[in-house]
């Protein structure tokens, strides 16, 4: 299983926001073929994740391990002055929250360095059946700025096992994408998701 190999220590931190990045792709793109291109890129990213972590039937390609909680959200009274959104009007809104480890490995120990960065997704169940979602992770910023770069980064991870010749594909990718090492330099398990 690729995720347990030390040569892939950089793999876990770079995956956490990937599917969120995929979802945000092309928001300004032209209709028609853009949707097909986005779907193809999303599939390529998931396929690349499966190359890094293997396929685990019944589990997500990323953030495979998580825990779900349910509760309520009630905005502070001051929030209504900042936004007219129903979410901030002071009513109690049911929420579903999922805390997750990075990687597509469902049995990864929570305390493993490979479980970083951790993620949190919140689904607000609004009146009338509407929903609002927030998806966050413990990275200060994402290591790449496009879905294509994310896919290529994953493929570089998959092509860089511990015994790979130096410089590895991942080292080459990092050299041409200086934000990647900077983003990963501060990855650690957060004391709280409130920060």
N, C-alpha and C. Protein backbone atom coordinates (compact mmCIF):
# COMPACT_ATOMS: atom_id res chain seq x y z
N UNK A 1 0.86 -1.18 0.00
CA UNK A 1 0.00 0.00 0.00
C UNK A 1 0.90 1.23 0.00
N UNK A 2 0.74 2.10 -0.98
CA UNK A 2 1.65 3.21 -1.20
C UNK A 2 1.71 4.20 -0.04
N UNK A 3 0.62 4.42 0.64
CA UNK A 3 0.59 5.47 1.67
C UNK A 3 1.46 5.13 2.86
N UNK A 4 1.78 3.88 3.04
CA UNK A 4 2.58 3.52 4.20
C UNK A 4 4.07 3.62 3.91
N UNK A 5 4.45 3.87 2.68
CA UNK A 5 5.86 3.97 2.33
C UNK A 5 6.37 5.35 2.68
N UNK A 6 7.53 5.41 3.31
CA UNK A 6 8.10 6.69 3.72
C UNK A 6 8.36 7.61 2.54
N UNK A 7 8.61 7.07 1.38
CA UNK A 7 8.85 7.90 0.22
C UNK A 7 7.66 8.74 -0.18
N UNK A 8 6.51 8.41 0.34
CA UNK A 8 5.29 9.14 0.02
C UNK A 8 4.85 10.04 1.17
N UNK A 9 5.77 10.40 2.04
CA UNK A 9 5.42 11.23 3.19
C UNK A 9 4.80 12.56 2.76
N UNK A 10 5.17 13.06 1.59
CA UNK A 10 4.58 14.31 1.10
C UNK A 10 3.20 14.10 0.50
N UNK A 11 2.83 12.87 0.22
CA UNK A 11 1.58 12.63 -0.46
C UNK A 11 0.37 13.04 0.36
N UNK A 12 0.33 12.69 1.61
CA UNK A 12 -0.85 12.97 2.40
C UNK A 12 -1.18 14.45 2.49
N UNK A 13 -0.22 15.31 2.79
CA UNK A 13 -0.58 16.72 2.92
C UNK A 13 -1.10 17.35 1.65
N UNK A 14 -0.76 16.82 0.51
CA UNK A 14 -1.16 17.48 -0.72
C UNK A 14 -2.53 17.07 -1.20
N UNK A 15 -3.15 16.10 -0.58
CA UNK A 15 -4.40 15.58 -1.10
C UNK A 15 -5.65 16.15 -0.46
N UNK A 16 -5.55 16.71 0.69
CA UNK A 16 -6.74 16.99 1.48
C UNK A 16 -7.77 17.86 0.79
N UNK A 17 -7.38 18.88 0.11
CA UNK A 17 -8.34 19.77 -0.51
C UNK A 17 -8.58 19.45 -1.97
N UNK A 18 -8.03 18.38 -2.43
CA UNK A 18 -8.11 18.08 -3.85
C UNK A 18 -9.50 18.00 -4.41
N UNK A 19 -10.37 17.30 -3.75
CA UNK A 19 -11.72 17.19 -4.30
C UNK A 19 -12.46 18.51 -4.20
N UNK A 20 -12.16 19.32 -3.20
CA UNK A 20 -12.73 20.66 -3.15
C UNK A 20 -12.22 21.50 -4.29
N UNK A 21 -10.95 21.33 -4.64
CA UNK A 21 -10.38 22.04 -5.78
C UNK A 21 -11.06 21.59 -7.05
N UNK A 22 -11.29 20.30 -7.18
CA UNK A 22 -11.98 19.78 -8.36
C UNK A 22 -13.36 20.40 -8.47
N UNK A 23 -14.06 20.50 -7.35
CA UNK A 23 -15.42 21.06 -7.38
C UNK A 23 -15.42 22.52 -7.80
N UNK A 24 -14.34 23.23 -7.52
CA UNK A 24 -14.27 24.65 -7.84
C UNK A 24 -13.75 24.92 -9.24
N UNK A 25 -13.29 23.92 -9.93
CA UNK A 25 -12.73 24.12 -11.26
C UNK A 25 -13.75 24.68 -12.22
N UNK A 26 -13.31 25.60 -13.03
CA UNK A 26 -14.13 26.06 -14.13
C UNK A 26 -15.34 26.87 -13.76
N UNK A 27 -15.35 27.50 -12.62
CA UNK A 27 -16.53 28.27 -12.26
C UNK A 27 -16.76 29.42 -13.21
N UNK A 28 -15.70 29.84 -13.93
CA UNK A 28 -15.85 30.90 -14.93
C UNK A 28 -15.72 30.33 -16.34
N UNK A 29 -15.77 29.02 -16.48
CA UNK A 29 -15.56 28.39 -17.78
C UNK A 29 -16.81 28.50 -18.65
N UNK A 30 -16.58 28.36 -19.95
CA UNK A 30 -17.68 28.38 -20.91
C UNK A 30 -18.53 27.13 -20.75
N UNK A 31 -19.83 27.23 -21.03
CA UNK A 31 -20.69 26.06 -20.92
C UNK A 31 -20.37 25.03 -22.00
N UNK A 32 -20.98 23.87 -21.93
CA UNK A 32 -20.80 22.85 -22.96
C UNK A 32 -19.62 21.97 -22.67
N UNK A 33 -18.58 22.14 -23.47
CA UNK A 33 -17.41 21.27 -23.33
C UNK A 33 -16.69 21.48 -22.01
N UNK A 34 -16.83 22.65 -21.41
CA UNK A 34 -16.16 22.90 -20.14
C UNK A 34 -16.60 21.90 -19.09
N UNK A 35 -17.89 21.59 -19.03
CA UNK A 35 -18.39 20.62 -18.05
C UNK A 35 -17.78 19.25 -18.29
N UNK A 36 -17.67 18.85 -19.54
CA UNK A 36 -17.07 17.55 -19.87
C UNK A 36 -15.59 17.54 -19.51
N UNK A 37 -14.90 18.65 -19.76
CA UNK A 37 -13.48 18.74 -19.41
C UNK A 37 -13.29 18.68 -17.90
N UNK A 38 -14.17 19.35 -17.15
CA UNK A 38 -14.09 19.31 -15.69
C UNK A 38 -14.32 17.90 -15.18
N UNK A 39 -15.31 17.21 -15.74
CA UNK A 39 -15.58 15.84 -15.31
C UNK A 39 -14.39 14.94 -15.63
N UNK A 40 -13.78 15.12 -16.80
CA UNK A 40 -12.62 14.32 -17.16
C UNK A 40 -11.46 14.60 -16.21
N UNK A 41 -11.22 15.85 -15.88
CA UNK A 41 -10.14 16.19 -14.96
C UNK A 41 -10.43 15.63 -13.56
N UNK A 42 -11.66 15.72 -13.11
CA UNK A 42 -12.01 15.17 -11.80
C UNK A 42 -11.74 13.67 -11.77
N UNK A 43 -12.09 12.98 -12.83
CA UNK A 43 -11.83 11.54 -12.92
C UNK A 43 -10.33 11.27 -12.92
N UNK A 44 -9.56 12.09 -13.64
CA UNK A 44 -8.11 11.92 -13.66
C UNK A 44 -7.51 12.13 -12.28
N UNK A 45 -8.03 13.07 -11.53
CA UNK A 45 -7.51 13.33 -10.18
C UNK A 45 -7.82 12.15 -9.26
N UNK A 46 -9.04 11.64 -9.32
CA UNK A 46 -9.39 10.48 -8.49
C UNK A 46 -8.54 9.28 -8.90
N UNK A 47 -8.36 9.08 -10.20
CA UNK A 47 -7.50 7.97 -10.67
C UNK A 47 -6.07 8.14 -10.14
N UNK A 48 -5.56 9.36 -10.14
CA UNK A 48 -4.21 9.61 -9.62
C UNK A 48 -4.14 9.33 -8.12
N UNK A 49 -5.18 9.72 -7.38
CA UNK A 49 -5.22 9.40 -5.94
C UNK A 49 -5.18 7.89 -5.73
N UNK A 50 -5.91 7.17 -6.55
CA UNK A 50 -5.91 5.71 -6.43
C UNK A 50 -4.55 5.12 -6.76
N UNK A 51 -3.77 5.76 -7.64
CA UNK A 51 -2.41 5.30 -7.91
C UNK A 51 -1.53 5.48 -6.69
N UNK A 52 -1.75 6.56 -5.95
CA UNK A 52 -0.93 6.83 -4.76
C UNK A 52 -1.33 5.91 -3.61
N UNK A 53 -2.61 5.76 -3.34
CA UNK A 53 -3.08 5.07 -2.14
C UNK A 53 -3.70 3.71 -2.38
N UNK A 54 -3.89 3.34 -3.62
CA UNK A 54 -4.58 2.10 -3.92
C UNK A 54 -6.08 2.33 -3.88
N UNK A 55 -6.81 1.37 -4.40
CA UNK A 55 -8.27 1.43 -4.41
C UNK A 55 -8.78 0.67 -3.19
N UNK A 56 -9.66 1.29 -2.44
CA UNK A 56 -10.25 0.68 -1.25
C UNK A 56 -11.76 0.70 -1.44
N UNK A 57 -12.34 -0.37 -1.98
CA UNK A 57 -13.77 -0.38 -2.26
C UNK A 57 -14.60 0.02 -1.04
N UNK A 58 -15.58 0.87 -1.30
CA UNK A 58 -16.46 1.35 -0.23
C UNK A 58 -15.94 2.59 0.48
N UNK A 59 -14.75 3.07 0.09
CA UNK A 59 -14.17 4.25 0.71
C UNK A 59 -13.87 5.30 -0.33
N UNK A 60 -13.80 6.53 0.11
CA UNK A 60 -13.46 7.65 -0.76
C UNK A 60 -12.02 7.53 -1.22
N UNK A 61 -11.71 8.16 -2.35
CA UNK A 61 -10.33 8.17 -2.85
C UNK A 61 -9.44 9.04 -1.97
N UNK A 62 -10.02 9.99 -1.27
CA UNK A 62 -9.29 10.88 -0.36
C UNK A 62 -10.15 11.10 0.88
N UNK A 63 -9.53 11.32 1.99
CA UNK A 63 -10.23 11.47 3.26
C UNK A 63 -11.10 10.24 3.53
N UNK A 64 -10.51 9.08 3.28
CA UNK A 64 -11.24 7.82 3.43
C UNK A 64 -11.69 7.59 4.87
N UNK A 65 -10.89 8.03 5.83
CA UNK A 65 -11.21 7.79 7.23
C UNK A 65 -11.73 9.08 7.85
N UNK A 66 -12.88 8.97 8.50
CA UNK A 66 -13.43 10.14 9.16
C UNK A 66 -14.48 9.75 10.18
N UNK A 67 -14.92 10.73 10.91
CA UNK A 67 -15.98 10.53 11.89
C UNK A 67 -17.01 11.64 11.67
N UNK A 68 -18.28 11.26 11.78
CA UNK A 68 -19.38 12.19 11.53
C UNK A 68 -20.08 12.52 12.84
N UNK A 69 -20.42 13.77 13.01
CA UNK A 69 -21.18 14.23 14.17
C UNK A 69 -22.34 15.07 13.67
N UNK A 70 -23.39 15.12 14.46
CA UNK A 70 -24.54 15.96 14.14
C UNK A 70 -24.78 16.90 15.31
N UNK A 71 -25.29 18.07 14.99
CA UNK A 71 -25.55 19.05 16.02
C UNK A 71 -26.30 20.23 15.45
N UNK A 72 -26.14 21.37 16.09
CA UNK A 72 -26.83 22.59 15.67
C UNK A 72 -25.85 23.75 15.67
N UNK A 73 -26.11 24.70 14.77
CA UNK A 73 -25.33 25.92 14.67
C UNK A 73 -26.26 27.09 14.91
N UNK A 74 -25.84 27.98 15.77
CA UNK A 74 -26.60 29.21 15.99
C UNK A 74 -25.62 30.36 15.95
N UNK A 75 -25.79 31.24 14.96
CA UNK A 75 -24.88 32.36 14.78
C UNK A 75 -25.00 33.35 15.93
N UNK A 76 -23.92 34.04 16.20
CA UNK A 76 -23.93 35.12 17.18
C UNK A 76 -24.86 36.23 16.68
N UNK A 77 -25.49 36.96 17.56
CA UNK A 77 -26.41 38.03 17.14
C UNK A 77 -25.77 39.05 16.19
N UNK A 78 -24.47 39.28 16.36
CA UNK A 78 -23.78 40.25 15.51
C UNK A 78 -23.70 39.80 14.06
N UNK A 79 -23.81 38.50 13.80
CA UNK A 79 -23.68 37.97 12.44
C UNK A 79 -24.77 38.51 11.52
N UNK A 80 -25.95 38.73 12.04
CA UNK A 80 -27.07 39.23 11.21
C UNK A 80 -26.77 40.62 10.66
N UNK A 81 -25.92 41.37 11.32
CA UNK A 81 -25.55 42.70 10.80
C UNK A 81 -24.58 42.59 9.63
N UNK A 82 -23.91 41.45 9.50
CA UNK A 82 -22.91 41.26 8.46
C UNK A 82 -23.45 40.58 7.21
N UNK A 83 -24.53 39.81 7.37
CA UNK A 83 -25.06 39.05 6.25
C UNK A 83 -26.56 38.83 6.41
N UNK A 84 -27.26 38.81 5.28
CA UNK A 84 -28.70 38.51 5.28
C UNK A 84 -28.97 37.02 5.09
N UNK A 85 -27.93 36.22 4.96
CA UNK A 85 -28.09 34.78 4.76
C UNK A 85 -28.83 34.17 5.94
N UNK A 86 -29.73 33.24 5.65
CA UNK A 86 -30.53 32.59 6.69
C UNK A 86 -29.63 31.91 7.73
N UNK A 87 -28.47 31.52 7.31
CA UNK A 87 -27.52 30.86 8.20
C UNK A 87 -27.15 31.74 9.39
N UNK A 88 -27.21 33.05 9.19
CA UNK A 88 -26.77 33.99 10.23
C UNK A 88 -27.89 34.76 10.89
N UNK A 89 -29.14 34.31 10.73
CA UNK A 89 -30.26 35.07 11.28
C UNK A 89 -30.58 34.75 12.74
N UNK A 90 -29.78 33.89 13.36
CA UNK A 90 -29.96 33.61 14.79
C UNK A 90 -30.79 32.39 15.09
N UNK A 91 -31.36 31.75 14.06
CA UNK A 91 -32.11 30.51 14.32
C UNK A 91 -31.13 29.35 14.49
N UNK A 92 -31.60 28.30 15.07
CA UNK A 92 -30.79 27.11 15.27
C UNK A 92 -30.85 26.27 13.99
N UNK A 93 -29.70 26.04 13.38
CA UNK A 93 -29.62 25.33 12.11
C UNK A 93 -28.99 23.95 12.35
N UNK A 94 -29.67 22.86 11.95
CA UNK A 94 -29.05 21.54 12.08
C UNK A 94 -27.82 21.42 11.18
N UNK A 95 -26.79 20.76 11.69
CA UNK A 95 -25.56 20.57 10.92
C UNK A 95 -25.10 19.11 11.00
N UNK A 96 -24.41 18.70 9.95
CA UNK A 96 -23.68 17.44 9.93
C UNK A 96 -22.22 17.83 9.71
N UNK A 97 -21.34 17.32 10.57
CA UNK A 97 -19.92 17.67 10.51
C UNK A 97 -19.13 16.37 10.34
N UNK A 98 -18.16 16.39 9.43
CA UNK A 98 -17.27 15.24 9.26
C UNK A 98 -15.83 15.70 9.45
N UNK A 99 -15.15 15.09 10.41
CA UNK A 99 -13.73 15.31 10.64
C UNK A 99 -13.00 14.16 9.95
N UNK A 100 -11.92 14.45 9.24
CA UNK A 100 -11.28 13.38 8.47
C UNK A 100 -9.76 13.49 8.50
N UNK A 101 -9.15 12.34 8.25
CA UNK A 101 -7.71 12.26 8.04
C UNK A 101 -7.47 12.40 6.54
N UNK A 102 -6.30 12.87 6.18
CA UNK A 102 -5.92 12.91 4.78
C UNK A 102 -5.65 11.50 4.30
N UNK A 103 -5.51 11.32 3.04
CA UNK A 103 -5.20 10.09 2.31
C UNK A 103 -6.44 9.28 2.01
N UNK A 104 -6.25 8.33 1.11
CA UNK A 104 -7.31 7.40 0.75
C UNK A 104 -7.18 6.08 1.47
N UNK A 105 -6.41 6.05 2.55
CA UNK A 105 -6.17 4.81 3.29
C UNK A 105 -7.10 4.77 4.51
N UNK A 106 -8.09 3.87 4.49
CA UNK A 106 -9.11 3.88 5.54
C UNK A 106 -8.64 3.42 6.92
N UNK A 107 -7.51 2.71 7.01
CA UNK A 107 -7.05 2.23 8.32
C UNK A 107 -5.83 2.97 8.82
N UNK A 108 -5.55 4.14 8.30
CA UNK A 108 -4.42 4.95 8.73
C UNK A 108 -4.65 5.45 10.16
N UNK A 109 -3.69 5.29 11.05
CA UNK A 109 -3.88 5.80 12.42
C UNK A 109 -4.03 7.33 12.41
N UNK A 110 -4.93 7.84 13.23
CA UNK A 110 -5.19 9.28 13.28
C UNK A 110 -3.94 10.08 13.61
N UNK A 111 -3.06 9.55 14.43
CA UNK A 111 -1.87 10.28 14.85
C UNK A 111 -0.70 10.17 13.88
N UNK A 112 -0.85 9.43 12.81
CA UNK A 112 0.23 9.28 11.84
C UNK A 112 0.51 10.61 11.15
N UNK A 113 1.77 10.91 10.88
CA UNK A 113 2.07 12.13 10.11
C UNK A 113 1.39 12.12 8.74
N UNK A 114 1.14 10.93 8.21
CA UNK A 114 0.46 10.83 6.91
C UNK A 114 -1.02 11.23 7.00
N UNK A 115 -1.57 11.31 8.20
CA UNK A 115 -2.97 11.72 8.36
C UNK A 115 -3.14 13.23 8.23
N UNK A 116 -2.04 13.95 8.16
CA UNK A 116 -2.07 15.40 8.01
C UNK A 116 -2.08 15.77 6.54
N UNK A 117 -2.73 16.87 6.20
CA UNK A 117 -3.53 17.73 7.05
C UNK A 117 -4.92 17.15 7.24
N UNK A 118 -5.47 17.38 8.39
CA UNK A 118 -6.80 16.90 8.71
C UNK A 118 -7.84 17.82 8.07
N UNK A 119 -9.01 17.27 7.84
CA UNK A 119 -10.07 18.04 7.21
C UNK A 119 -11.31 18.12 8.07
N UNK A 120 -12.16 19.06 7.72
CA UNK A 120 -13.46 19.20 8.37
C UNK A 120 -14.45 19.70 7.32
N UNK A 121 -15.57 19.03 7.22
CA UNK A 121 -16.63 19.44 6.31
C UNK A 121 -17.89 19.67 7.14
N UNK A 122 -18.58 20.76 6.86
CA UNK A 122 -19.81 21.09 7.58
C UNK A 122 -20.93 21.27 6.57
N UNK A 123 -22.02 20.56 6.77
CA UNK A 123 -23.22 20.73 5.96
C UNK A 123 -24.28 21.36 6.84
N UNK A 124 -24.72 22.55 6.45
CA UNK A 124 -25.78 23.26 7.16
C UNK A 124 -27.11 22.90 6.48
N UNK A 125 -28.03 22.32 7.23
CA UNK A 125 -29.34 21.92 6.69
C UNK A 125 -30.30 23.09 6.91
N UNK A 126 -30.47 23.90 5.87
CA UNK A 126 -31.24 25.13 5.97
C UNK A 126 -32.74 24.88 5.81
N UNK A 127 -33.56 25.83 6.26
CA UNK A 127 -35.01 25.69 6.08
C UNK A 127 -35.36 25.54 4.60
N UNK A 128 -36.40 24.79 4.33
CA UNK A 128 -36.84 24.59 2.96
C UNK A 128 -36.05 23.54 2.20
N UNK A 129 -35.16 22.84 2.87
CA UNK A 129 -34.39 21.78 2.23
C UNK A 129 -33.10 22.23 1.57
N UNK A 130 -32.80 23.52 1.61
CA UNK A 130 -31.54 24.00 1.05
C UNK A 130 -30.38 23.59 1.95
N UNK A 131 -29.18 23.58 1.38
CA UNK A 131 -27.99 23.24 2.13
C UNK A 131 -26.86 24.20 1.77
N UNK A 132 -26.00 24.44 2.73
CA UNK A 132 -24.76 25.19 2.52
C UNK A 132 -23.64 24.34 3.09
N UNK A 133 -22.53 24.27 2.35
CA UNK A 133 -21.40 23.44 2.76
C UNK A 133 -20.16 24.28 2.95
N UNK A 134 -19.36 23.91 3.93
CA UNK A 134 -18.03 24.47 4.14
C UNK A 134 -17.08 23.28 4.23
N UNK A 135 -16.02 23.32 3.45
CA UNK A 135 -15.00 22.27 3.47
C UNK A 135 -13.67 22.95 3.73
N UNK A 136 -12.99 22.54 4.79
CA UNK A 136 -11.72 23.16 5.15
C UNK A 136 -10.68 22.08 5.46
N UNK A 137 -9.44 22.50 5.51
CA UNK A 137 -8.37 21.60 5.92
C UNK A 137 -7.35 22.38 6.74
N UNK A 138 -6.39 21.66 7.26
CA UNK A 138 -5.42 22.27 8.16
C UNK A 138 -4.21 22.87 7.44
N UNK A 139 -4.27 22.99 6.13
CA UNK A 139 -3.22 23.69 5.40
C UNK A 139 -3.45 25.19 5.49
N UNK A 140 -2.37 25.95 5.55
CA UNK A 140 -2.52 27.42 5.53
C UNK A 140 -2.90 27.86 4.12
N UNK A 141 -2.35 27.20 3.10
CA UNK A 141 -2.73 27.44 1.72
C UNK A 141 -2.45 26.17 0.93
N UNK A 142 -3.18 26.00 -0.19
CA UNK A 142 -3.06 24.78 -0.99
C UNK A 142 -1.78 24.83 -1.82
N UNK A 143 -1.11 23.71 -2.00
CA UNK A 143 0.19 23.71 -2.65
C UNK A 143 0.21 24.01 -4.15
N UNK A 144 -0.91 23.88 -4.83
CA UNK A 144 -0.97 24.19 -6.26
C UNK A 144 -2.24 25.00 -6.52
N UNK A 145 -2.30 25.61 -7.72
CA UNK A 145 -3.40 26.53 -7.97
C UNK A 145 -4.36 26.07 -9.06
N UNK A 146 -4.18 24.89 -9.60
CA UNK A 146 -5.12 24.42 -10.62
C UNK A 146 -5.33 22.93 -10.48
N UNK A 147 -6.43 22.47 -11.04
CA UNK A 147 -6.72 21.04 -11.03
C UNK A 147 -5.69 20.24 -11.81
N UNK A 148 -5.23 20.82 -12.91
CA UNK A 148 -4.21 20.14 -13.71
C UNK A 148 -2.92 19.96 -12.92
N UNK A 149 -2.50 21.01 -12.21
CA UNK A 149 -1.30 20.89 -11.37
C UNK A 149 -1.51 19.88 -10.24
N UNK A 150 -2.71 19.86 -9.68
CA UNK A 150 -2.99 18.89 -8.61
C UNK A 150 -2.86 17.47 -9.14
N UNK A 151 -3.46 17.21 -10.30
CA UNK A 151 -3.35 15.88 -10.92
C UNK A 151 -1.88 15.54 -11.16
N UNK A 152 -1.14 16.49 -11.73
CA UNK A 152 0.27 16.24 -12.04
C UNK A 152 1.09 16.02 -10.78
N UNK A 153 0.75 16.70 -9.70
CA UNK A 153 1.44 16.51 -8.43
C UNK A 153 1.19 15.09 -7.92
N UNK A 154 -0.05 14.65 -8.00
CA UNK A 154 -0.37 13.29 -7.56
C UNK A 154 0.37 12.25 -8.39
N UNK A 155 0.41 12.46 -9.69
CA UNK A 155 1.12 11.53 -10.56
C UNK A 155 2.61 11.52 -10.24
N UNK A 156 3.16 12.68 -9.86
CA UNK A 156 4.57 12.74 -9.45
C UNK A 156 4.79 11.97 -8.16
N UNK A 157 3.85 12.06 -7.23
CA UNK A 157 3.95 11.28 -5.99
C UNK A 157 3.94 9.79 -6.32
N UNK A 158 3.00 9.38 -7.17
CA UNK A 158 2.88 7.96 -7.53
C UNK A 158 4.14 7.45 -8.22
N UNK A 159 4.82 8.32 -8.96
CA UNK A 159 6.02 7.93 -9.71
C UNK A 159 7.30 8.12 -8.90
N UNK A 160 7.19 8.35 -7.60
CA UNK A 160 8.37 8.63 -6.77
C UNK A 160 8.46 7.70 -5.56
N UNK A 161 8.55 6.40 -5.80
CA UNK A 161 8.72 5.49 -4.66
C UNK A 161 10.09 5.71 -4.01
N UNK A 162 10.29 5.18 -2.82
CA UNK A 162 11.56 5.41 -2.11
C UNK A 162 12.79 5.02 -2.93
N UNK A 163 12.67 4.02 -3.78
CA UNK A 163 13.84 3.56 -4.54
C UNK A 163 14.00 4.30 -5.88
N UNK A 164 13.21 5.31 -6.14
CA UNK A 164 13.28 6.05 -7.41
C UNK A 164 14.61 6.80 -7.53
N UNK A 165 15.06 6.92 -8.77
CA UNK A 165 16.29 7.67 -9.04
C UNK A 165 16.09 9.14 -8.68
N UNK A 166 17.17 9.77 -8.25
CA UNK A 166 17.13 11.18 -7.87
C UNK A 166 17.56 12.03 -9.05
N UNK A 167 16.98 13.17 -9.28
CA UNK A 167 15.81 13.68 -8.55
C UNK A 167 14.55 12.93 -8.97
N UNK A 168 13.69 12.68 -7.99
CA UNK A 168 12.45 11.97 -8.27
C UNK A 168 11.49 12.89 -9.03
N UNK A 169 10.44 12.29 -9.56
CA UNK A 169 9.40 13.08 -10.25
C UNK A 169 8.80 14.09 -9.27
N UNK A 170 8.63 13.68 -8.01
CA UNK A 170 8.07 14.60 -7.02
C UNK A 170 9.05 15.75 -6.73
N UNK A 171 10.32 15.44 -6.61
CA UNK A 171 11.31 16.50 -6.39
C UNK A 171 11.35 17.46 -7.58
N UNK A 172 11.23 16.93 -8.79
CA UNK A 172 11.20 17.77 -9.98
C UNK A 172 9.96 18.66 -9.99
N UNK A 173 8.82 18.05 -9.61
CA UNK A 173 7.58 18.84 -9.55
C UNK A 173 7.71 19.95 -8.52
N UNK A 174 8.24 19.62 -7.35
CA UNK A 174 8.39 20.63 -6.29
C UNK A 174 9.31 21.76 -6.73
N UNK A 175 10.36 21.43 -7.48
CA UNK A 175 11.29 22.46 -7.94
C UNK A 175 10.62 23.43 -8.91
N UNK A 176 9.65 22.94 -9.66
CA UNK A 176 8.96 23.82 -10.62
C UNK A 176 7.68 24.43 -10.06
N UNK A 177 7.33 24.09 -8.83
CA UNK A 177 6.14 24.61 -8.17
C UNK A 177 6.52 25.00 -6.73
N UNK A 178 7.17 26.16 -6.56
CA UNK A 178 7.74 26.52 -5.25
C UNK A 178 6.71 26.67 -4.12
N UNK A 179 5.46 26.86 -4.44
CA UNK A 179 4.46 26.93 -3.36
C UNK A 179 4.24 25.58 -2.69
N UNK A 180 4.49 24.49 -3.40
CA UNK A 180 4.25 23.18 -2.83
C UNK A 180 5.08 22.95 -1.58
N UNK A 181 6.42 23.07 -1.63
CA UNK A 181 7.18 22.84 -0.39
C UNK A 181 6.83 23.85 0.70
N UNK A 182 6.50 25.08 0.32
CA UNK A 182 6.13 26.08 1.34
C UNK A 182 4.82 25.70 2.02
N UNK A 183 3.86 25.22 1.23
CA UNK A 183 2.56 24.82 1.82
C UNK A 183 2.72 23.65 2.76
N UNK A 184 3.60 22.73 2.42
CA UNK A 184 3.75 21.51 3.22
C UNK A 184 4.68 21.67 4.41
N UNK A 185 5.45 22.73 4.42
CA UNK A 185 6.45 22.92 5.47
C UNK A 185 5.84 23.06 6.86
N UNK A 186 4.60 23.54 6.95
CA UNK A 186 3.99 23.79 8.25
C UNK A 186 2.85 22.83 8.57
N UNK A 187 2.78 21.73 7.83
CA UNK A 187 1.70 20.76 8.05
C UNK A 187 1.91 20.07 9.38
N UNK A 188 0.89 20.10 10.21
CA UNK A 188 0.92 19.42 11.51
C UNK A 188 -0.52 19.22 11.96
N UNK A 189 -0.70 18.33 12.88
CA UNK A 189 -2.03 18.12 13.44
C UNK A 189 -2.42 19.36 14.24
N UNK A 190 -3.55 19.99 13.90
CA UNK A 190 -3.94 21.19 14.63
C UNK A 190 -4.43 20.87 16.04
N UNK A 191 -4.18 21.79 16.95
CA UNK A 191 -4.74 21.63 18.29
C UNK A 191 -6.25 21.81 18.25
N UNK A 192 -6.71 22.62 17.29
CA UNK A 192 -8.12 22.91 17.17
C UNK A 192 -8.42 23.35 15.75
N UNK A 193 -9.62 23.07 15.26
CA UNK A 193 -10.02 23.56 13.95
C UNK A 193 -10.53 25.01 14.07
N UNK A 194 -10.53 25.56 15.25
CA UNK A 194 -10.98 26.95 15.45
C UNK A 194 -9.93 27.94 14.97
N UNK A 195 -8.69 27.51 14.85
CA UNK A 195 -7.61 28.42 14.40
C UNK A 195 -7.60 28.56 12.90
